Amino acid sequence: MNTEAHILQLLFFYSNLSRPLTLLELRRLLIDRLESVSLLEIIECVDALVAKKRVYEQRGFYGIVSDASIARWRIRQDVCTDEKWREFLASRRLFRFTPFVEFACAAGSMAMGNAGKLSDFDVIVGARQGRIFTTRFFCIALFGALRKRRKKLSHHDSASNKICLNHFVTPAAYCLRPPHNMYWAQLYKNLVPLYGSAEALAEFFRANAWAGAIFPNDRRHYENSSRWKRLGEWMLGGAAGDAIERWLRAYQQQRITKSLADGPRGPDAQSELGYMPRIIHDDSELEFHPDTHRIDQMVKNL
């Protein structure tokens, strides 16, 4: 695939997110694909595509769609996303109080930059090995008590600006399990560290180098856990913690199994859940994406 084809593929993908790109963003997204390509080459290639009317430009934003409002779409997205980040960053402090959370990264629309007014806050939570169910319990309890957690049946206004705790990983499952596609690659390339030690975050990003994920090596994250977090980890770090983890595992597995049995059924459903679900619930990973139809449609024609 040549430079022009890579550029068209990226612009088409982000057009599905109603997000035109700048030349600098194209350069960043092309780094892992075309290491030797220069910004000048990208500019020349994009200019040629604009001349052929295969790409459209407005106020420095480039997209596939011929629409005079593409710049307005992007500016509206950026303003909305910036407003939501203030709320999101205020909520991230809660991870400092949650036992066994090793790190947290922003995912979903907040990472991709296409958040809308009703968007929630997807996070990937790194849990200590052997304590994933305990970690999930404390996250649900703390964020739920403060009304910061998106519940299973929350939609639209009730889900806006709520933390969606749908993915927990331990070191054994840092690397995203296949199948991989362009959506997952772009998502993991754009993950934003919220909390955690530089070492744990760097290990997680290294495990996902397949997506071009690069840890920014920025130590301004909330590495300092609270005394309550450290106390909880000390109290639950031994045999008593092992027993509680086993009990929480049995209890949560029962709840998860029942919840999945009652999952949504749509016209394109291939299971009792939805279209090509990504559901994992074991000792190394908890992932709950019950329907990936939108993701599949987004990448099908790339």
Protein backbone atom coordinates (compact mmCIF):
# COMPACT_ATOMS: atom_id res chain seq x y z
CA MET A 1 0.00 0.00 0.00
CA ASN A 2 1.51 3.34 -1.07
CA THR A 3 1.36 6.69 0.77
CA GLU A 4 -1.77 7.82 -1.09
CA ALA A 5 -3.65 4.61 -0.19
CA HIS A 6 -2.66 4.92 3.49
CA ILE A 7 -3.85 8.53 3.60
CA LEU A 8 -7.17 7.69 1.94
CA GLN A 9 -7.74 4.79 4.33
CA LEU A 10 -7.12 6.99 7.38
CA LEU A 11 -9.32 9.82 6.09
CA PHE A 12 -12.11 7.39 5.25
CA PHE A 13 -11.91 5.80 8.70
CA TYR A 14 -12.02 9.12 10.53
CA SER A 15 -14.76 10.40 8.23
CA ASN A 16 -16.88 7.60 9.71
CA LEU A 17 -16.27 9.30 13.05
CA SER A 18 -17.25 12.66 11.50
CA ARG A 19 -13.72 13.78 12.27
CA PRO A 20 -11.65 15.40 9.48
CA LEU A 21 -7.92 15.51 10.15
CA THR A 22 -5.14 18.07 9.96
CA LEU A 23 -1.86 17.41 8.16
CA LEU A 24 0.02 17.05 11.45
CA GLU A 25 -2.52 14.50 12.68
CA LEU A 26 -2.08 12.54 9.46
CA ARG A 27 1.67 12.58 10.00
CA ARG A 28 1.31 11.24 13.56
CA LEU A 29 -1.07 8.50 12.49
CA LEU A 30 1.17 7.46 9.58
CA ILE A 31 4.37 7.14 11.65
CA ASP A 32 3.98 3.42 12.44
CA ARG A 33 2.87 2.65 8.87
CA LEU A 34 5.39 4.72 6.90
CA GLU A 35 8.35 5.54 9.12
CA SER A 36 10.28 7.31 6.39
CA VAL A 37 7.48 9.53 5.08
CA SER A 38 8.03 13.25 5.64
CA LEU A 39 5.50 15.97 6.30
CA LEU A 40 6.37 17.50 2.91
CA GLU A 41 5.56 14.22 1.14
CA ILE A 42 2.23 14.06 2.96
CA ILE A 43 1.41 17.64 1.98
CA GLU A 44 2.23 16.96 -1.68
CA CYS A 45 0.18 13.75 -1.68
CA VAL A 46 -2.82 15.37 0.01
CA ASP A 47 -2.67 18.36 -2.36
CA ALA A 48 -2.75 15.95 -5.31
CA LEU A 49 -5.77 14.14 -3.83
CA VAL A 50 -7.55 17.46 -3.30
CA ALA A 51 -6.85 18.40 -6.93
CA LYS A 52 -8.40 15.08 -8.02
CA LYS A 53 -11.39 15.79 -5.72
CA ARG A 54 -10.82 12.57 -3.85
CA VAL A 55 -10.17 14.54 -0.66
CA TYR A 56 -11.79 17.80 0.44
CA GLU A 57 -10.22 20.58 2.50
CA GLN A 58 -11.69 23.35 4.55
CA ARG A 59 -9.81 25.64 6.92
CA GLY A 60 -6.94 23.17 7.26
CA PHE A 61 -9.13 20.09 7.87
CA TYR A 62 -9.17 17.22 5.37
CA GLY A 63 -11.90 14.64 4.85
CA ILE A 64 -13.48 12.35 2.30
CA VAL A 65 -16.91 13.97 2.41
CA SER A 66 -17.62 16.93 0.12
CA ASP A 67 -19.39 19.16 2.60
CA ALA A 68 -18.85 22.82 3.37
CA SER A 69 -19.44 22.10 7.06
CA ILE A 70 -16.56 19.65 7.67
CA ALA A 71 -14.57 22.29 9.55
CA ARG A 72 -17.61 23.12 11.65
CA TRP A 73 -18.04 19.42 12.55
CA ARG A 74 -14.45 19.23 13.73
CA ILE A 75 -14.51 22.47 15.71
CA ARG A 76 -17.76 21.44 17.40
CA GLN A 77 -16.22 18.09 18.33
CA ASP A 78 -13.09 19.70 19.73
CA VAL A 79 -15.06 22.16 21.86
CA CYS A 80 -17.33 19.40 23.21
CA THR A 81 -14.38 17.09 23.90
CA ASP A 82 -12.45 19.83 25.72
CA GLU A 83 -15.44 20.53 27.95
CA LYS A 84 -15.84 16.85 28.74
CA TRP A 85 -12.15 16.44 29.57
CA ARG A 86 -12.53 18.81 32.50
CA GLU A 87 -15.23 16.54 33.96
CA PHE A 88 -13.28 13.39 33.10
CA LEU A 89 -10.03 14.57 34.69
CA ALA A 90 -11.88 15.50 37.87
CA SER A 91 -13.22 11.92 38.10
CA ARG A 92 -9.87 10.24 37.48
CA ARG A 93 -8.67 11.19 40.96
CA LEU A 94 -10.89 8.42 42.33
CA PHE A 95 -8.47 5.82 40.98
CA ARG A 96 -5.97 7.01 43.61
CA PHE A 97 -8.30 5.61 46.27
CA THR A 98 -9.13 2.29 44.57
CA PRO A 99 -7.10 -0.71 45.82
CA PHE A 100 -5.14 -2.75 43.27
CA VAL A 101 -5.63 -0.34 40.35
CA GLU A 102 -2.24 -0.22 38.63
CA PHE A 103 -3.25 2.28 35.93
CA ALA A 104 -6.20 3.67 34.01
CA CYS A 105 -6.36 4.88 30.40
CA ALA A 106 -9.06 6.86 28.61
CA ALA A 107 -10.50 4.98 25.64
CA GLY A 108 -13.55 5.28 23.36
CA SER A 109 -14.66 8.61 21.96
CA MET A 110 -12.60 10.60 24.47
CA ALA A 111 -9.40 9.00 23.17
CA MET A 112 -10.44 9.16 19.51
CA GLY A 113 -11.57 12.79 19.83
CA ASN A 114 -15.11 12.36 18.51
CA ALA A 115 -17.04 12.79 21.76
CA GLY A 116 -20.57 14.19 21.65
CA LYS A 117 -22.70 15.79 24.33
CA LEU A 118 -24.13 12.41 25.39
CA SER A 119 -20.83 10.48 25.34
CA ASP A 120 -19.70 8.53 28.37
CA PHE A 121 -16.10 7.99 29.53
CA ASP A 122 -14.67 4.60 28.54
CA VAL A 123 -11.65 3.47 30.53
CA ILE A 124 -9.25 0.55 30.46
CA VAL A 125 -8.26 -0.33 34.02
CA GLY A 126 -5.05 -2.17 34.80
CA ALA A 127 -5.55 -4.49 37.79
CA ARG A 128 -2.98 -6.28 39.91
CA GLN A 129 -2.49 -9.92 38.97
CA GLY A 130 -4.62 -12.14 41.21
CA ARG A 131 -6.90 -9.28 42.29
CA ILE A 132 -8.93 -8.44 39.19
CA PHE A 133 -12.33 -9.20 40.75
CA THR A 134 -11.40 -7.29 43.90
CA THR A 135 -10.32 -4.34 41.75
CA ARG A 136 -13.58 -4.39 39.82
CA PHE A 137 -15.59 -4.58 43.05
CA PHE A 138 -13.91 -1.50 44.52
CA CYS A 139 -14.20 0.44 41.25
CA ILE A 140 -17.91 -0.31 40.98
CA ALA A 141 -18.48 0.49 44.66
CA LEU A 142 -16.55 3.78 44.68
CA PHE A 143 -17.66 5.20 41.32
CA GLY A 144 -21.19 3.94 41.93
CA ALA A 145 -21.47 5.49 45.39
CA LEU A 146 -20.46 8.86 43.94
CA ARG A 147 -22.80 8.44 40.95
CA LYS A 148 -19.90 8.54 38.54
CA ARG A 149 -20.39 5.07 37.03
CA ARG A 150 -22.40 4.24 33.95
CA LYS A 151 -24.79 1.43 34.75
CA LYS A 152 -25.64 -1.39 32.37
CA LEU A 153 -29.01 0.04 31.36
CA SER A 154 -27.97 3.70 31.28
CA HIS A 155 -28.49 5.46 27.96
CA HIS A 156 -28.38 8.96 26.51
CA ASP A 157 -28.58 11.68 29.18
CA SER A 158 -28.17 9.28 32.11
CA ALA A 159 -24.94 7.85 30.61
CA SER A 160 -23.37 11.20 29.70
CA ASN A 161 -20.14 11.98 31.58
CA LYS A 162 -20.28 8.67 33.49
CA ILE A 163 -17.33 6.30 33.79
CA CYS A 164 -17.86 3.10 31.79
CA LEU A 165 -15.99 0.27 33.55
CA ASN A 166 -16.13 -2.29 30.75
CA HIS A 167 -12.49 -3.42 30.46
CA PHE A 168 -10.08 -4.62 33.16
CA VAL A 169 -6.72 -6.20 32.35
CA THR A 170 -3.89 -7.77 34.34
CA PRO A 171 -0.27 -8.04 33.13
CA ALA A 172 -1.08 -11.45 31.63
CA ALA A 173 -3.63 -9.80 29.32
CA TYR A 174 -2.14 -6.37 28.63
CA CYS A 175 -2.03 -7.10 24.90
CA LEU A 176 -5.50 -6.82 23.34
CA ARG A 177 -6.75 -10.25 22.29
CA PRO A 178 -7.50 -10.84 18.59
CA PRO A 179 -9.30 -10.28 16.36
CA HIS A 180 -7.64 -6.95 15.65
CA ASN A 181 -8.76 -4.50 13.00
CA MET A 182 -8.16 -0.87 12.11
CA TYR A 183 -10.63 0.37 14.73
CA TRP A 184 -8.81 -1.34 17.59
CA ALA A 185 -5.44 -0.24 16.19
CA GLN A 186 -6.53 3.41 16.02
CA LEU A 187 -8.13 3.21 19.47
CA TYR A 188 -5.02 1.78 21.13
CA LYS A 189 -2.79 4.23 19.29
CA ASN A 190 -4.84 7.09 20.81
CA LEU A 191 -5.23 5.83 24.41
CA VAL A 192 -4.65 8.54 27.00
CA PRO A 193 -3.02 7.65 30.35
CA LEU A 194 -5.10 8.93 33.27
CA TYR A 195 -3.51 7.39 36.33
CA GLY A 196 -0.79 4.92 37.26
CA SER A 197 2.93 4.43 37.60
CA ALA A 198 5.10 5.13 34.58
CA GLU A 199 6.42 1.54 34.75
CA ALA A 200 3.00 -0.13 34.60
CA LEU A 201 1.80 2.19 31.84
CA ALA A 202 4.97 1.68 29.81
CA GLU A 203 4.59 -2.11 30.09
CA PHE A 204 0.97 -1.87 28.92
CA PHE A 205 1.87 0.30 25.92
CA ARG A 206 4.78 -1.98 24.99
CA ALA A 207 2.41 -4.95 24.98
CA ASN A 208 0.25 -3.12 22.45
CA ALA A 209 3.05 -2.00 20.15
CA TRP A 210 1.22 -3.96 17.40
CA ALA A 211 -1.19 -0.99 17.21
CA GLY A 212 1.56 1.62 17.15
CA ALA A 213 0.77 2.52 20.78
CA ILE A 214 3.56 4.66 22.24
CA PHE A 215 3.66 5.64 25.92
CA PRO A 216 4.32 9.39 26.09
CA ASN A 217 6.78 8.90 28.97
CA ASP A 218 5.09 11.66 30.89
CA ARG A 219 5.38 11.36 34.67
CA ARG A 220 2.71 13.95 35.42
CA HIS A 221 0.12 11.24 36.01
CA TYR A 222 -1.25 10.55 39.47
CA GLU A 223 1.37 8.04 40.50
CA ASN A 224 0.95 8.76 44.21
CA SER A 225 -1.75 6.47 45.55
CA SER A 226 -3.65 7.57 48.63
CA ARG A 227 -3.00 6.14 52.09
CA TRP A 228 -6.45 4.49 51.94
CA LYS A 229 -5.48 2.68 48.73
CA ARG A 230 -2.21 1.50 50.24
CA LEU A 231 -3.98 0.43 53.44
CA GLY A 232 -6.57 -1.54 51.49
CA GLU A 233 -3.86 -3.27 49.46
CA TRP A 234 -1.93 -4.15 52.62
CA MET A 235 -5.01 -5.56 54.35
CA LEU A 236 -6.07 -7.59 51.30
CA GLY A 237 -2.64 -8.59 50.08
CA GLY A 238 -2.33 -11.91 51.89
CA ALA A 239 -4.33 -15.07 52.53
CA ALA A 240 -7.41 -13.10 53.61
CA GLY A 241 -7.27 -11.18 50.34
CA ASP A 242 -6.97 -14.43 48.38
CA ALA A 243 -10.12 -15.75 50.06
CA ILE A 244 -12.02 -12.53 49.37
CA GLU A 245 -10.86 -12.58 45.74
CA ARG A 246 -12.21 -16.15 45.37
CA TRP A 247 -15.54 -15.15 46.90
CA LEU A 248 -15.82 -12.03 44.74
CA ARG A 249 -14.88 -14.10 41.68
CA ALA A 250 -17.66 -16.61 42.33
CA TYR A 251 -20.20 -13.88 43.07
CA GLN A 252 -19.31 -11.72 40.06
CA GLN A 253 -19.09 -14.65 37.67
CA GLN A 254 -22.61 -15.65 38.71
CA ARG A 255 -23.87 -12.10 38.14
CA ILE A 256 -22.05 -11.81 34.82
CA THR A 257 -23.38 -15.13 33.56
CA LYS A 258 -26.93 -14.15 34.44
CA SER A 259 -26.50 -10.71 32.87
CA LEU A 260 -25.17 -12.21 29.63
CA ALA A 261 -28.06 -14.65 29.48
CA ASP A 262 -30.43 -11.68 29.61
CA GLY A 263 -28.42 -9.68 27.03
CA PRO A 264 -29.84 -7.77 24.04
CA ARG A 265 -30.95 -9.56 20.93
CA GLY A 266 -30.92 -7.65 17.67
CA PRO A 267 -31.69 -8.44 14.02
CA ASP A 268 -27.98 -9.00 13.33
CA ALA A 269 -27.31 -10.96 16.50
CA GLN A 270 -25.03 -13.97 16.11
CA SER A 271 -25.46 -15.00 19.74
CA GLU A 272 -27.69 -14.28 22.67
CA LEU A 273 -25.74 -11.03 23.10
CA GLY A 274 -25.34 -9.20 19.83
CA TYR A 275 -23.16 -8.99 16.76
CA MET A 276 -19.70 -10.57 17.25
CA PRO A 277 -19.48 -9.79 20.98
CA ARG A 278 -16.15 -9.37 22.75
CA ILE A 279 -16.93 -10.86 26.15
CA ILE A 280 -14.14 -12.14 28.41
CA HIS A 281 -14.44 -12.81 32.12
CA ASP A 282 -11.58 -14.77 33.63
CA ASP A 283 -8.75 -14.25 36.12
CA SER A 284 -6.63 -12.23 33.70
CA GLU A 285 -9.17 -10.04 31.88
CA LEU A 286 -12.71 -8.70 32.10
CA GLU A 287 -13.99 -7.23 28.83
CA PHE A 288 -17.62 -6.40 28.10
CA HIS A 289 -18.35 -5.27 24.55
CA PRO A 290 -21.62 -7.14 23.88
CA ASP A 291 -22.11 -5.87 20.31
CA THR A 292 -19.45 -4.79 17.80
CA HIS A 293 -21.72 -4.19 14.82
CA ARG A 294 -20.85 -0.48 14.60
CA ILE A 295 -17.14 -1.26 14.71
CA ASP A 296 -17.47 -3.94 12.04
CA GLN A 297 -19.41 -1.64 9.73
CA MET A 298 -16.82 1.09 10.23
CA VAL A 299 -13.91 -1.05 8.99
CA LYS A 300 -15.68 -3.36 6.54
CA ASN A 301 -15.10 -1.24 3.45
CA LEU A 302 -11.61 0.06 4.25
